[in-house]
Amino acid sequence: MNKEDEKEKLFQEGMKQYKAMDYFEAHEAWEDLWSDYYLEDRKFVQGLIQLAVSFVHIGNGNMIGAKNLLRKCKEKFNEFTGVQRGIQIKILLNQIEMVRLTYEGLNDPSEFDWDVVPTLE
């Protein structure tokens, strides 16, 4: 398998795990991609890692970590427009804003509404 195929395999593995709601494993695949290869869209992939880990944190009851990583990923995604790796940036940013508002309204992280997680489409 050449480097381009391996990069795509890691990206798709992250997408598969993310869509299966296994945010830790999604982060692992994307982190391997981000750390092992030169990527023109390095910040975008880093944003995906931060997005996934935000959901790991909320699932573990770490509201501060979840909010911080959500803010950081939004900063990364704001540098992109149009469609990036098949993901519509404007829709993603709108979905992240819904997550932010949901986080702000929580008294208890266990009450998080997982239906607001961005779909990455």
PDB file of N, CA and C in Angstrom:
ATOM      1  N   MET A   1       0.853  -1.180   0.000  1.00  0.00           N
ATOM      2  CA  MET A   1       0.000   0.000   0.000  1.00  0.00           C
ATOM      3  C   MET A   1       0.898   1.243   0.000  1.00  0.00           C
ATOM      4  N   ASN A   2       0.621   2.174  -0.904  1.00  0.00           N
ATOM      5  CA  ASN A   2       1.436   3.388  -0.946  1.00  0.00           C
ATOM      6  C   ASN A   2       0.976   4.386   0.127  1.00  0.00           C
ATOM      7  N   LYS A   3       1.744   5.464   0.280  1.00  0.00           N
ATOM      8  CA  LYS A   3       1.455   6.430   1.349  1.00  0.00           C
ATOM      9  C   LYS A   3       0.082   7.072   1.199  1.00  0.00           C
ATOM     10  N   GLU A   4      -0.303   7.387  -0.032  1.00  0.00           N
ATOM     11  CA  GLU A   4      -1.611   8.017  -0.237  1.00  0.00           C
ATOM     12  C   GLU A   4      -2.737   7.071   0.173  1.00  0.00           C
ATOM     13  N   ASP A   5      -2.585   5.792  -0.171  1.00  0.00           N
ATOM     14  CA  ASP A   5      -3.596   4.804   0.219  1.00  0.00           C
ATOM     15  C   ASP A   5      -3.655   4.660   1.736  1.00  0.00           C
ATOM     16  N   GLU A   6      -2.497   4.647   2.372  1.00  0.00           N
ATOM     17  CA  GLU A   6      -2.444   4.512   3.829  1.00  0.00           C
ATOM     18  C   GLU A   6      -3.084   5.729   4.508  1.00  0.00           C
ATOM     19  N   LYS A   7      -2.808   6.916   3.975  1.00  0.00           N
ATOM     20  CA  LYS A   7      -3.422   8.126   4.539  1.00  0.00           C
ATOM     21  C   LYS A   7      -4.947   8.061   4.421  1.00  0.00           C
ATOM     22  N   GLU A   8      -5.423   7.649   3.258  1.00  0.00           N
ATOM     23  CA  GLU A   8      -6.872   7.559   3.055  1.00  0.00           C
ATOM     24  C   GLU A   8      -7.482   6.488   3.958  1.00  0.00           C
ATOM     25  N   LYS A   9      -6.767   5.381   4.117  1.00  0.00           N
ATOM     26  CA  LYS A   9      -7.252   4.304   4.988  1.00  0.00           C
ATOM     27  C   LYS A   9      -7.411   4.807   6.428  1.00  0.00           C
ATOM     28  N   LEU A  10      -6.421   5.536   6.927  1.00  0.00           N
ATOM     29  CA  LEU A  10      -6.499   6.066   8.288  1.00  0.00           C
ATOM     30  C   LEU A  10      -7.637   7.077   8.422  1.00  0.00           C
ATOM     31  N   PHE A  11      -7.786   7.944   7.415  1.00  0.00           N
ATOM     32  CA  PHE A  11      -8.870   8.921   7.472  1.00  0.00           C
ATOM     33  C   PHE A  11     -10.221   8.211   7.504  1.00  0.00           C
ATOM     34  N   GLN A  12     -10.409   7.239   6.617  1.00  0.00           N
ATOM     35  CA  GLN A  12     -11.685   6.524   6.546  1.00  0.00           C
ATOM     36  C   GLN A  12     -11.940   5.694   7.805  1.00  0.00           C
ATOM     37  N   GLU A  13     -10.888   5.145   8.396  1.00  0.00           N
ATOM     38  CA  GLU A  13     -11.048   4.409   9.654  1.00  0.00           C
ATOM     39  C   GLU A  13     -11.554   5.356  10.741  1.00  0.00           C
ATOM     40  N   GLY A  14     -11.001   6.558  10.785  1.00  0.00           N
ATOM     41  CA  GLY A  14     -11.492   7.549  11.739  1.00  0.00           C
ATOM     42  C   GLY A  14     -12.958   7.883  11.503  1.00  0.00           C
ATOM     43  N   MET A  15     -13.329   8.061  10.246  1.00  0.00           N
ATOM     44  CA  MET A  15     -14.730   8.350   9.915  1.00  0.00           C
ATOM     45  C   MET A  15     -15.640   7.201  10.343  1.00  0.00           C
ATOM     46  N   LYS A  16     -15.215   5.992  10.067  1.00  0.00           N
ATOM     47  CA  LYS A  16     -16.008   4.810  10.431  1.00  0.00           C
ATOM     48  C   LYS A  16     -16.227   4.763  11.947  1.00  0.00           C
ATOM     49  N   GLN A  17     -15.163   4.961  12.703  1.00  0.00           N
ATOM     50  CA  GLN A  17     -15.271   4.909  14.162  1.00  0.00           C
ATOM     51  C   GLN A  17     -16.113   6.069  14.697  1.00  0.00           C
ATOM     52  N   TYR A  18     -15.937   7.246  14.121  1.00  0.00           N
ATOM     53  CA  TYR A  18     -16.720   8.411  14.539  1.00  0.00           C
ATOM     54  C   TYR A  18     -18.209   8.143  14.321  1.00  0.00           C
ATOM     55  N   LYS A  19     -18.552   7.650  13.142  1.00  0.00           N
ATOM     56  CA  LYS A  19     -19.964   7.398  12.835  1.00  0.00           C
ATOM     57  C   LYS A  19     -20.544   6.271  13.688  1.00  0.00           C
ATOM     58  N   ALA A  20     -19.662   5.394  14.201  1.00  0.00           N
ATOM     59  CA  ALA A  20     -20.092   4.337  15.119  1.00  0.00           C
ATOM     60  C   ALA A  20     -20.130   4.843  16.566  1.00  0.00           C
ATOM     61  N   MET A  21     -19.868   6.140  16.739  1.00  0.00           N
ATOM     62  CA  MET A  21     -19.839   6.800  18.045  1.00  0.00           C
ATOM     63  C   MET A  21     -18.709   6.297  18.939  1.00  0.00           C
ATOM     64  N   ASP A  22     -17.673   5.754  18.333  1.00  0.00           N
ATOM     65  CA  ASP A  22     -16.478   5.367  19.085  1.00  0.00           C
ATOM     66  C   ASP A  22     -15.456   6.485  18.889  1.00  0.00           C
ATOM     67  N   TYR A  23     -15.655   7.551  19.639  1.00  0.00           N
ATOM     68  CA  TYR A  23     -14.880   8.774  19.437  1.00  0.00           C
ATOM     69  C   TYR A  23     -13.414   8.611  19.822  1.00  0.00           C
ATOM     70  N   PHE A  24     -13.142   7.753  20.799  1.00  0.00           N
ATOM     71  CA  PHE A  24     -11.745   7.516  21.157  1.00  0.00           C
ATOM     72  C   PHE A  24     -10.998   6.863  20.001  1.00  0.00           C
ATOM     73  N   GLU A  25     -11.582   5.839  19.398  1.00  0.00           N
ATOM     74  CA  GLU A  25     -10.919   5.149  18.286  1.00  0.00           C
ATOM     75  C   GLU A  25     -10.843   6.038  17.044  1.00  0.00           C
ATOM     76  N   ALA A  26     -11.838   6.888  16.840  1.00  0.00           N
ATOM     77  CA  ALA A  26     -11.769   7.853  15.727  1.00  0.00           C
ATOM     78  C   ALA A  26     -10.567   8.762  15.930  1.00  0.00           C
ATOM     79  N   HIS A  27     -10.425   9.265  17.138  1.00  0.00           N
ATOM     80  CA  HIS A  27      -9.289  10.134  17.466  1.00  0.00           C
ATOM     81  C   HIS A  27      -7.971   9.401  17.246  1.00  0.00           C
ATOM     82  N   GLU A  28      -7.904   8.130  17.612  1.00  0.00           N
ATOM     83  CA  GLU A  28      -6.668   7.353  17.439  1.00  0.00           C
ATOM     84  C   GLU A  28      -6.276   7.255  15.960  1.00  0.00           C
ATOM     85  N   ALA A  29      -7.232   6.930  15.107  1.00  0.00           N
ATOM     86  CA  ALA A  29      -6.943   6.799  13.670  1.00  0.00           C
ATOM     87  C   ALA A  29      -6.508   8.137  13.089  1.00  0.00           C
ATOM     88  N   TRP A  30      -7.243   9.199  13.415  1.00  0.00           N
ATOM     89  CA  TRP A  30      -6.900  10.517  12.879  1.00  0.00           C
ATOM     90  C   TRP A  30      -5.585  11.026  13.445  1.00  0.00           C
ATOM     91  N   GLU A  31      -5.297  10.674  14.695  1.00  0.00           N
ATOM     92  CA  GLU A  31      -4.021  11.109  15.276  1.00  0.00           C
ATOM     93  C   GLU A  31      -2.850  10.403  14.594  1.00  0.00           C
ATOM     94  N   ASP A  32      -3.024   9.125  14.252  1.00  0.00           N
ATOM     95  CA  ASP A  32      -1.980   8.422  13.489  1.00  0.00           C
ATOM     96  C   ASP A  32      -1.757   9.115  12.148  1.00  0.00           C
ATOM     97  N   LEU A  33      -2.827   9.484  11.489  1.00  0.00           N
ATOM     98  CA  LEU A  33      -2.740  10.194  10.212  1.00  0.00           C
ATOM     99  C   LEU A  33      -2.024  11.529  10.396  1.00  0.00           C
ATOM    100  N   TRP A  34      -2.431  12.274  11.395  1.00  0.00           N
ATOM    101  CA  TRP A  34      -1.912  13.619  11.654  1.00  0.00           C
ATOM    102  C   TRP A  34      -0.434  13.589  12.040  1.00  0.00           C
ATOM    103  N   SER A  35      -0.052  12.595  12.834  1.00  0.00           N
ATOM    104  CA  SER A  35       1.327  12.575  13.338  1.00  0.00           C
ATOM    105  C   SER A  35       2.305  11.871  12.401  1.00  0.00           C
ATOM    106  N   ASP A  36       1.830  10.947  11.590  1.00  0.00           N
ATOM    107  CA  ASP A  36       2.734  10.124  10.772  1.00  0.00           C
ATOM    108  C   ASP A  36       2.969  10.653   9.362  1.00  0.00           C
ATOM    109  N   TYR A  37       2.128  11.569   8.890  1.00  0.00           N
ATOM    110  CA  TYR A  37       2.213  12.001   7.494  1.00  0.00           C
ATOM    111  C   TYR A  37       2.165  13.516   7.376  1.00  0.00           C
ATOM    112  N   TYR A  38       2.814  14.026   6.336  1.00  0.00           N
ATOM    113  CA  TYR A  38       2.656  15.439   5.994  1.00  0.00           C
ATOM    114  C   TYR A  38       1.285  15.596   5.345  1.00  0.00           C
ATOM    115  N   LEU A  39       0.512  16.531   5.845  1.00  0.00           N
ATOM    116  CA  LEU A  39      -0.830  16.776   5.314  1.00  0.00           C
ATOM    117  C   LEU A  39      -0.987  18.255   4.998  1.00  0.00           C
ATOM    118  N   GLU A  40      -1.470  18.553   3.805  1.00  0.00           N
ATOM    119  CA  GLU A  40      -1.758  19.949   3.469  1.00  0.00           C
ATOM    120  C   GLU A  40      -2.876  20.500   4.349  1.00  0.00           C
ATOM    121  N   ASP A  41      -3.789  19.629   4.752  1.00  0.00           N
ATOM    122  CA  ASP A  41      -4.912  20.052   5.594  1.00  0.00           C
ATOM    123  C   ASP A  41      -4.718  19.588   7.039  1.00  0.00           C
ATOM    124  N   ARG A  42      -3.492  19.672   7.492  1.00  0.00           N
ATOM    125  CA  ARG A  42      -3.111  19.234   8.834  1.00  0.00           C
ATOM    126  C   ARG A  42      -4.024  19.823   9.919  1.00  0.00           C
ATOM    127  N   LYS A  43      -4.322  21.115   9.814  1.00  0.00           N
ATOM    128  CA  LYS A  43      -5.169  21.754  10.827  1.00  0.00           C
ATOM    129  C   LYS A  43      -6.595  21.210  10.796  1.00  0.00           C
ATOM    130  N   PHE A  44      -7.072  20.844   9.618  1.00  0.00           N
ATOM    131  CA  PHE A  44      -8.409  20.266   9.524  1.00  0.00           C
ATOM    132  C   PHE A  44      -8.458  18.925  10.258  1.00  0.00           C
ATOM    133  N   VAL A  45      -7.466  18.084  10.008  1.00  0.00           N
ATOM    134  CA  VAL A  45      -7.418  16.775  10.674  1.00  0.00           C
ATOM    135  C   VAL A  45      -7.253  16.968  12.181  1.00  0.00           C
ATOM    136  N   GLN A  46      -6.447  17.932  12.582  1.00  0.00           N
ATOM    137  CA  GLN A  46      -6.300  18.223  14.006  1.00  0.00           C
ATOM    138  C   GLN A  46      -7.644  18.655  14.596  1.00  0.00           C
ATOM    139  N   GLY A  47      -8.415  19.414  13.850  1.00  0.00           N
ATOM    140  CA  GLY A  47      -9.748  19.796  14.302  1.00  0.00           C
ATOM    141  C   GLY A  47     -10.654  18.592  14.496  1.00  0.00           C
ATOM    142  N   LEU A  48     -10.575  17.619  13.588  1.00  0.00           N
ATOM    143  CA  LEU A  48     -11.364  16.393  13.746  1.00  0.00           C
ATOM    144  C   LEU A  48     -10.958  15.642  15.009  1.00  0.00           C
ATOM    145  N   ILE A  49      -9.654  15.575  15.263  1.00  0.00           N
ATOM    146  CA  ILE A  49      -9.155  14.916  16.478  1.00  0.00           C
ATOM    147  C   ILE A  49      -9.736  15.615  17.705  1.00  0.00           C
ATOM    148  N   GLN A  50      -9.663  16.932  17.724  1.00  0.00           N
ATOM    149  CA  GLN A  50     -10.168  17.695  18.866  1.00  0.00           C
ATOM    150  C   GLN A  50     -11.674  17.541  19.021  1.00  0.00           C
ATOM    151  N   LEU A  51     -12.394  17.494  17.921  1.00  0.00           N
ATOM    152  CA  LEU A  51     -13.839  17.286  17.976  1.00  0.00           C
ATOM    153  C   LEU A  51     -14.152  15.937  18.612  1.00  0.00           C
ATOM    154  N   ALA A  52     -13.487  14.893  18.139  1.00  0.00           N
ATOM    155  CA  ALA A  52     -13.728  13.554  18.678  1.00  0.00           C
ATOM    156  C   ALA A  52     -13.397  13.491  20.165  1.00  0.00           C
ATOM    157  N   VAL A  53     -12.274  14.080  20.561  1.00  0.00           N
ATOM    158  CA  VAL A  53     -11.870  14.021  21.970  1.00  0.00           C
ATOM    159  C   VAL A  53     -12.804  14.856  22.843  1.00  0.00           C
ATOM    160  N   SER A  54     -13.407  15.894  22.286  1.00  0.00           N
ATOM    161  CA  SER A  54     -14.415  16.630  23.041  1.00  0.00           C
ATOM    162  C   SER A  54     -15.528  15.684  23.484  1.00  0.00           C
ATOM    163  N   PHE A  55     -15.916  14.766  22.599  1.00  0.00           N
ATOM    164  CA  PHE A  55     -16.984  13.825  22.940  1.00  0.00           C
ATOM    165  C   PHE A  55     -16.494  12.722  23.873  1.00  0.00           C
ATOM    166  N   VAL A  56     -15.219  12.382  23.797  1.00  0.00           N
ATOM    167  CA  VAL A  56     -14.643  11.457  24.785  1.00  0.00           C
ATOM    168  C   VAL A  56     -14.742  12.108  26.166  1.00  0.00           C
ATOM    169  N   HIS A  57     -14.357  13.382  26.242  1.00  0.00           N
ATOM    170  CA  HIS A  57     -14.400  14.091  27.525  1.00  0.00           C
ATOM    171  C   HIS A  57     -15.818  14.187  28.080  1.00  0.00           C
ATOM    172  N   ILE A  58     -16.778  14.560  27.247  1.00  0.00           N
ATOM    173  CA  ILE A  58     -18.144  14.699  27.761  1.00  0.00           C
ATOM    174  C   ILE A  58     -18.659  13.339  28.230  1.00  0.00           C
ATOM    175  N   GLY A  59     -18.285  12.281  27.523  1.00  0.00           N
ATOM    176  CA  GLY A  59     -18.690  10.939  27.934  1.00  0.00           C
ATOM    177  C   GLY A  59     -18.071  10.507  29.251  1.00  0.00           C
ATOM    178  N   ASN A  60     -16.909  11.091  29.572  1.00  0.00           N
ATOM    179  CA  ASN A  60     -16.226  10.784  30.833  1.00  0.00           C
ATOM    180  C   ASN A  60     -16.570  11.787  31.935  1.00  0.00           C
ATOM    181  N   GLY A  61     -17.484  12.705  31.643  1.00  0.00           N
ATOM    182  CA  GLY A  61     -17.908  13.672  32.646  1.00  0.00           C
ATOM    183  C   GLY A  61     -17.003  14.879  32.793  1.00  0.00           C
ATOM    184  N   ASN A  62     -16.081  15.075  31.862  1.00  0.00           N
ATOM    185  CA  ASN A  62     -15.132  16.188  31.926  1.00  0.00           C
ATOM    186  C   ASN A  62     -15.656  17.354  31.080  1.00  0.00           C
ATOM    187  N   MET A  63     -16.513  18.158  31.683  1.00  0.00           N
ATOM    188  CA  MET A  63     -17.146  19.267  30.962  1.00  0.00           C
ATOM    189  C   MET A  63     -16.124  20.311  30.522  1.00  0.00           C
ATOM    190  N   ILE A  64     -15.165  20.632  31.381  1.00  0.00           N
ATOM    191  CA  ILE A  64     -14.168  21.652  31.035  1.00  0.00           C
ATOM    192  C   ILE A  64     -13.357  21.210  29.820  1.00  0.00           C
ATOM    193  N   GLY A  65     -12.883  19.972  29.816  1.00  0.00           N
ATOM    194  CA  GLY A  65     -12.123  19.459  28.681  1.00  0.00           C
ATOM    195  C   GLY A  65     -12.949  19.431  27.410  1.00  0.00           C
ATOM    196  N   ALA A  66     -14.214  19.037  27.536  1.00  0.00           N
ATOM    197  CA  ALA A  66     -15.104  18.977  26.368  1.00  0.00           C
ATOM    198  C   ALA A  66     -15.281  20.364  25.754  1.00  0.00           C
ATOM    199  N   LYS A  67     -15.533  21.353  26.594  1.00  0.00           N
ATOM    200  CA  LYS A  67     -15.732  22.723  26.098  1.00  0.00           C
ATOM    201  C   LYS A  67     -14.458  23.275  25.469  1.00  0.00           C
ATOM    202  N   ASN A  68     -13.329  23.046  26.124  1.00  0.00           N
ATOM    203  CA  ASN A  68     -12.059  23.567  25.603  1.00  0.00           C
ATOM    204  C   ASN A  68     -11.733  22.994  24.227  1.00  0.00           C
ATOM    205  N   LEU A  69     -11.893  21.691  24.066  1.00  0.00           N
ATOM    206  CA  LEU A  69     -11.570  21.079  22.777  1.00  0.00           C
ATOM    207  C   LEU A  69     -12.580  21.458  21.704  1.00  0.00           C
ATOM    208  N   LEU A  70     -13.828  21.651  22.082  1.00  0.00           N
ATOM    209  CA  LEU A  70     -14.814  22.103  21.102  1.00  0.00           C
ATOM    210  C   LEU A  70     -14.433  23.492  20.586  1.00  0.00           C
ATOM    211  N   ARG A  71     -14.027  24.375  21.486  1.00  0.00           N
ATOM    212  CA  ARG A  71     -13.595  25.719  21.089  1.00  0.00           C
ATOM    213  C   ARG A  71     -12.378  25.644  20.167  1.00  0.00           C
ATOM    214  N   LYS A  72     -11.416  24.798  20.513  1.00  0.00           N
ATOM    215  CA  LYS A  72     -10.196  24.674  19.703  1.00  0.00           C
ATOM    216  C   LYS A  72     -10.489  24.117  18.311  1.00  0.00           C
ATOM    217  N   CYS A  73     -11.361  23.115  18.235  1.00  0.00           N
ATOM    218  CA  CYS A  73     -11.653  22.545  16.911  1.00  0.00           C
ATOM    219  C   CYS A  73     -12.387  23.558  16.048  1.00  0.00           C
ATOM    220  N   LYS A  74     -13.257  24.353  16.656  1.00  0.00           N
ATOM    221  CA  LYS A  74     -13.981  25.369  15.887  1.00  0.00           C
ATOM    222  C   LYS A  74     -13.008  26.384  15.298  1.00  0.00           C
ATOM    223  N   GLU A  75     -11.995  26.767  16.079  1.00  0.00           N
ATOM    224  CA  GLU A  75     -10.969  27.689  15.576  1.00  0.00           C
ATOM    225  C   GLU A  75     -10.266  27.103  14.354  1.00  0.00           C
ATOM    226  N   LYS A  76      -9.977  25.810  14.393  1.00  0.00           N
ATOM    227  CA  LYS A  76      -9.313  25.156  13.256  1.00  0.00           C
ATOM    228  C   LYS A  76     -10.234  25.151  12.037  1.00  0.00           C
ATOM    229  N   PHE A  77     -11.485  24.730  12.231  1.00  0.00           N
ATOM    230  CA  PHE A  77     -12.415  24.613  11.109  1.00  0.00           C
ATOM    231  C   PHE A  77     -12.751  25.973  10.494  1.00  0.00           C
ATOM    232  N   ASN A  78     -12.672  27.033  11.284  1.00  0.00           N
ATOM    233  CA  ASN A  78     -12.940  28.379  10.764  1.00  0.00           C
ATOM    234  C   ASN A  78     -11.945  28.794   9.694  1.00  0.00           C
ATOM    235  N   GLU A  79     -10.816  28.105   9.599  1.00  0.00           N
ATOM    236  CA  GLU A  79      -9.805  28.422   8.589  1.00  0.00           C
ATOM    237  C   GLU A  79     -10.126  27.803   7.225  1.00  0.00           C
ATOM    238  N   PHE A  80     -11.200  27.023   7.159  1.00  0.00           N
ATOM    239  CA  PHE A  80     -11.558  26.311   5.932  1.00  0.00           C
ATOM    240  C   PHE A  80     -12.926  26.773   5.437  1.00  0.00           C
ATOM    241  N   THR A  81     -13.152  26.592   4.134  1.00  0.00           N
ATOM    242  CA  THR A  81     -14.441  26.916   3.527  1.00  0.00           C
ATOM    243  C   THR A  81     -14.828  25.798   2.571  1.00  0.00           C
ATOM    244  N   GLY A  82     -16.066  25.845   2.116  1.00  0.00           N
ATOM    245  CA  GLY A  82     -16.509  24.871   1.120  1.00  0.00           C
ATOM    246  C   GLY A  82     -16.583  23.472   1.690  1.00  0.00           C
ATOM    247  N   VAL A  83     -16.027  22.532   0.930  1.00  0.00           N
ATOM    248  CA  VAL A  83     -16.045  21.121   1.317  1.00  0.00           C
ATOM    249  C   VAL A  83     -14.609  20.668   1.526  1.00  0.00           C
ATOM    250  N   GLN A  84     -14.358  20.050   2.649  1.00  0.00           N
ATOM    251  CA  GLN A  84     -13.033  19.537   2.979  1.00  0.00           C
ATOM    252  C   GLN A  84     -13.167  18.053   3.301  1.00  0.00           C
ATOM    253  N   ARG A  85     -12.483  17.212   2.540  1.00  0.00           N
ATOM    254  CA  ARG A  85     -12.547  15.756   2.734  1.00  0.00           C
ATOM    255  C   ARG A  85     -13.991  15.252   2.793  1.00  0.00           C
ATOM    256  N   GLY A  86     -14.835  15.824   1.959  1.00  0.00           N
ATOM    257  CA  GLY A  86     -16.224  15.394   1.875  1.00  0.00           C
ATOM    258  C   GLY A  86     -17.138  15.975   2.944  1.00  0.00           C
ATOM    259  N   ILE A  87     -16.609  16.866   3.774  1.00  0.00           N
ATOM    260  CA  ILE A  87     -17.376  17.450   4.874  1.00  0.00           C
ATOM    261  C   ILE A  87     -17.667  18.912   4.549  1.00  0.00           C
ATOM    262  N   GLN A  88     -18.936  19.290   4.606  1.00  0.00           N
ATOM    263  CA  GLN A  88     -19.334  20.667   4.322  1.00  0.00           C
ATOM    264  C   GLN A  88     -19.044  21.532   5.556  1.00  0.00           C
ATOM    265  N   ILE A  89     -18.097  22.436   5.414  1.00  0.00           N
ATOM    266  CA  ILE A  89     -17.599  23.213   6.546  1.00  0.00           C
ATOM    267  C   ILE A  89     -18.688  24.066   7.193  1.00  0.00           C
ATOM    268  N   LYS A  90     -19.493  24.737   6.402  1.00  0.00           N
ATOM    269  CA  LYS A  90     -20.534  25.602   6.973  1.00  0.00           C
ATOM    270  C   LYS A  90     -21.502  24.791   7.833  1.00  0.00           C
ATOM    271  N   ILE A  91     -21.902  23.631   7.340  1.00  0.00           N
ATOM    272  CA  ILE A  91     -22.807  22.767   8.105  1.00  0.00           C
ATOM    273  C   ILE A  91     -22.114  22.285   9.373  1.00  0.00           C
ATOM    274  N   LEU A  92     -20.858  21.884   9.246  1.00  0.00           N
ATOM    275  CA  LEU A  92     -20.104  21.422  10.414  1.00  0.00           C
ATOM    276  C   LEU A  92     -20.027  22.517  11.477  1.00  0.00           C
ATOM    277  N   LEU A  93     -19.713  23.735  11.071  1.00  0.00           N
ATOM    278  CA  LEU A  93     -19.618  24.836  12.036  1.00  0.00           C
ATOM    279  C   LEU A  93     -20.967  25.116  12.698  1.00  0.00           C
ATOM    280  N   ASN A  94     -22.044  25.018  11.941  1.00  0.00           N
ATOM    281  CA  ASN A  94     -23.381  25.190  12.530  1.00  0.00           C
ATOM    282  C   ASN A  94     -23.673  24.086  13.541  1.00  0.00           C
ATOM    283  N   GLN A  95     -23.286  22.862  13.218  1.00  0.00           N
ATOM    284  CA  GLN A  95     -23.506  21.744  14.135  1.00  0.00           C
ATOM    285  C   GLN A  95     -22.648  21.896  15.396  1.00  0.00           C
ATOM    286  N   ILE A  96     -21.430  22.381  15.236  1.00  0.00           N
ATOM    287  CA  ILE A  96     -20.563  22.615  16.398  1.00  0.00           C
ATOM    288  C   ILE A  96     -21.176  23.683  17.301  1.00  0.00           C
ATOM    289  N   GLU A  97     -21.777  24.689  16.713  1.00  0.00           N
ATOM    290  CA  GLU A  97     -22.443  25.719  17.521  1.00  0.00           C
ATOM    291  C   GLU A  97     -23.597  25.116  18.315  1.00  0.00           C
ATOM    292  N   MET A  98     -24.320  24.177  17.732  1.00  0.00           N
ATOM    293  CA  MET A  98     -25.396  23.497  18.467  1.00  0.00           C
ATOM    294  C   MET A  98     -24.824  22.701  19.639  1.00  0.00           C
ATOM    295  N   VAL A  99     -23.690  22.057  19.426  1.00  0.00           N
ATOM    296  CA  VAL A  99     -23.037  21.328  20.522  1.00  0.00           C
ATOM    297  C   VAL A  99     -22.629  22.313  21.618  1.00  0.00           C
ATOM    298  N   ARG A 100     -22.045  23.445  21.218  1.00  0.00           N
ATOM    299  CA  ARG A 100     -21.610  24.441  22.205  1.00  0.00           C
ATOM    300  C   ARG A 100     -22.792  24.903  23.061  1.00  0.00           C
ATOM    301  N   LEU A 101     -23.904  25.193  22.419  1.00  0.00           N
ATOM    302  CA  LEU A 101     -25.092  25.627  23.155  1.00  0.00           C
ATOM    303  C   LEU A 101     -25.604  24.523  24.075  1.00  0.00           C
ATOM    304  N   THR A 102     -25.531  23.294  23.611  1.00  0.00           N
ATOM    305  CA  THR A 102     -25.944  22.158  24.437  1.00  0.00           C
ATOM    306  C   THR A 102     -25.027  22.026  25.643  1.00  0.00           C
ATOM    307  N   TYR A 103     -23.715  22.124  25.419  1.00  0.00           N
ATOM    308  CA  TYR A 103     -22.759  22.082  26.533  1.00  0.00           C
ATOM    309  C   TYR A 103     -23.081  23.176  27.551  1.00  0.00           C
ATOM    310  N   GLU A 104     -23.351  24.384  27.055  1.00  0.00           N
ATOM    311  CA  GLU A 104     -23.610  25.518  27.956  1.00  0.00           C
ATOM    312  C   GLU A 104     -24.850  25.284  28.813  1.00  0.00           C
ATOM    313  N   GLY A 105     -25.828  24.575  28.277  1.00  0.00           N
ATOM    314  CA  GLY A 105     -27.064  24.342  29.013  1.00  0.00           C
ATOM    315  C   GLY A 105     -27.021  23.169  29.972  1.00  0.00           C
ATOM    316  N   LEU A 106     -25.914  22.458  30.009  1.00  0.00           N
ATOM    317  CA  LEU A 106     -25.833  21.261  30.850  1.00  0.00           C
ATOM    318  C   LEU A 106     -25.467  21.593  32.292  1.00  0.00           C
ATOM    319  N   ASN A 107     -26.160  20.968  33.212  1.00  0.00           N
ATOM    320  CA  ASN A 107     -25.761  20.987  34.616  1.00  0.00           C
ATOM    321  C   ASN A 107     -24.957  19.742  34.939  1.00  0.00           C
ATOM    322  N   ASP A 108     -25.243  18.674  34.202  1.00  0.00           N
ATOM    323  CA  ASP A 108     -24.599  17.381  34.443  1.00  0.00           C
ATOM    324  C   ASP A 108     -24.187  16.801  33.088  1.00  0.00           C
ATOM    325  N   PRO A 109     -22.885  16.519  32.891  1.00  0.00           N
ATOM    326  CA  PRO A 109     -22.431  15.981  31.599  1.00  0.00           C
ATOM    327  C   PRO A 109     -23.159  14.706  31.166  1.00  0.00           C
ATOM    328  N   SER A 110     -23.668  13.948  32.129  1.00  0.00           N
ATOM    329  CA  SER A 110     -24.362  12.703  31.768  1.00  0.00           C
ATOM    330  C   SER A 110     -25.685  12.976  31.052  1.00  0.00           C
ATOM    331  N   GLU A 111     -26.142  14.228  31.067  1.00  0.00           N
ATOM    332  CA  GLU A 111     -27.388  14.597  30.396  1.00  0.00           C
ATOM    333  C   GLU A 111     -27.169  15.045  28.950  1.00  0.00           C
ATOM    334  N   PHE A 112     -25.939  14.941  28.460  1.00  0.00           N
ATOM    335  CA  PHE A 112     -25.636  15.381  27.096  1.00  0.00           C
ATOM    336  C   PHE A 112     -26.510  14.659  26.080  1.00  0.00           C
ATOM    337  N   ASP A 113     -27.056  15.425  25.138  1.00  0.00           N
ATOM    338  CA  ASP A 113     -27.892  14.888  24.060  1.00  0.00           C
ATOM    339  C   ASP A 113     -26.987  14.500  22.887  1.00  0.00           C
ATOM    340  N   TRP A 114     -26.699  13.227  22.762  1.00  0.00           N
ATOM    341  CA  TRP A 114     -25.776  12.740  21.733  1.00  0.00           C
ATOM    342  C   TRP A 114     -26.311  12.946  20.320  1.00  0.00           C
ATOM    343  N   ASP A 115     -27.583  13.276  20.192  1.00  0.00           N
ATOM    344  CA  ASP A 115     -28.160  13.527  18.866  1.00  0.00           C
ATOM    345  C   ASP A 115     -27.632  14.809  18.229  1.00  0.00           C
ATOM    346  N   VAL A 116     -26.988  15.692  19.007  1.00  0.00           N
ATOM    347  CA  VAL A 116     -26.469  16.938  18.437  1.00  0.00           C
ATOM    348  C   VAL A 116     -25.039  16.794  17.912  1.00  0.00           C
ATOM    349  N   VAL A 117     -24.447  15.625  18.047  1.00  0.00           N
ATOM    350  CA  VAL A 117     -23.081  15.410  17.547  1.00  0.00           C
ATOM    351  C   VAL A 117     -23.061  15.616  16.029  1.00  0.00           C
ATOM    352  N   PRO A 118     -22.110  16.414  15.521  1.00  0.00           N
ATOM    353  CA  PRO A 118     -22.031  16.634  14.068  1.00  0.00           C
ATOM    354  C   PRO A 118     -21.934  15.326  13.282  1.00  0.00           C
ATOM    355  N   THR A 119     -22.586  15.315  12.129  1.00  0.00           N
ATOM    356  CA  THR A 119     -22.648  14.103  11.310  1.00  0.00           C
ATOM    357  C   THR A 119     -21.442  13.922  10.395  1.00  0.00           C
ATOM    358  N   LEU A 120     -20.668  14.976  10.197  1.00  0.00           N
ATOM    359  CA  LEU A 120     -19.492  14.940   9.308  1.00  0.00           C
ATOM    360  C   LEU A 120     -19.862  14.548   7.882  1.00  0.00           C
ATOM    361  N   GLU A 121     -20.816  15.261   7.327  1.00  0.00           N
ATOM    362  CA  GLU A 121     -21.237  15.012   5.948  1.00  0.00           C
ATOM    363  C   GLU A 121     -21.212  16.292   5.150  1.00  0.00           C
TER     364      GLU A 121
END
